Each structure stands twice: as C-alpha cells, then as structure tokens.
C-alpha cells in the first residue's frame, strides 16, 4: 500500500517537472518562463521529497535503522533550502532581465518600470 503512495508522489513530481520544462520552451518571455519553470519545479521537488520521506519513514518503521531518520532530516533540510532559494533566484533573474531592458511583452501595468521612472524624476540634478 505504501508503495502506491510513493509512486503517486513520484508521478506527480514527474508531471510537475515535465510541465515546468514545457513552460520553459513555450512561454513568450523571460518572466512567464520563470513563473512556469520555478513554480512547477518547486512543486515537483516537493512531491519528490515527500516520496523520499514516506519511503524513509516506512523503512525506519520496518528496520529500525536510524539512517532512515537521517534521510528524512536531510530531505527536509534540502526542501527548505529549495523553498528559500528558488523564489529568490527567480526574483533576481527577473529583476536583472528588467534592468537589462527585457520588458514584459503583454503586461498591462509595469509597476516596477513606473517606480523606476518616478525614482529617476526625484533624483537631484548634478549640473
């Protein structure tokens, strides 16, 4: 029974990661590609880690070997690191793209551009 749960988590993980790779190829600009790729890979990784945790807890219950508890701990730490770094990295890439001149193609409102223009107006003149 527990194997079905593990296989279900792995299947969901594969589907999310596959959708993320499709988003990377199909979406029109860097912002939507980042959105699709980071969300899908984050969810895909969450379900992969869940599969590892369920498997490790099952093996810990069966064998009593503490190395499986260590596997759970390492998986959770890796998941926390991913949850912290994935959106941060995506934000940094999006900001770098915006500052480089790659503006969103179909954005109705570009609040970051408006904020930058307001900041330029309020800067004191050097001459």
Foldseek 3Di string as FASTA:
>chain_A
DLVVLLVVLQVQLVVLQVQLVVQCVPDDDLLSNLVSNLVSNLSSLVSNLVSLLSVLVVVCVVPVDCVSVVSNVVSVVVNVVSVVVSVVVSVVVVVVCVVVPNDDDDDPDDVVVVVVVVVVVPDDDPD
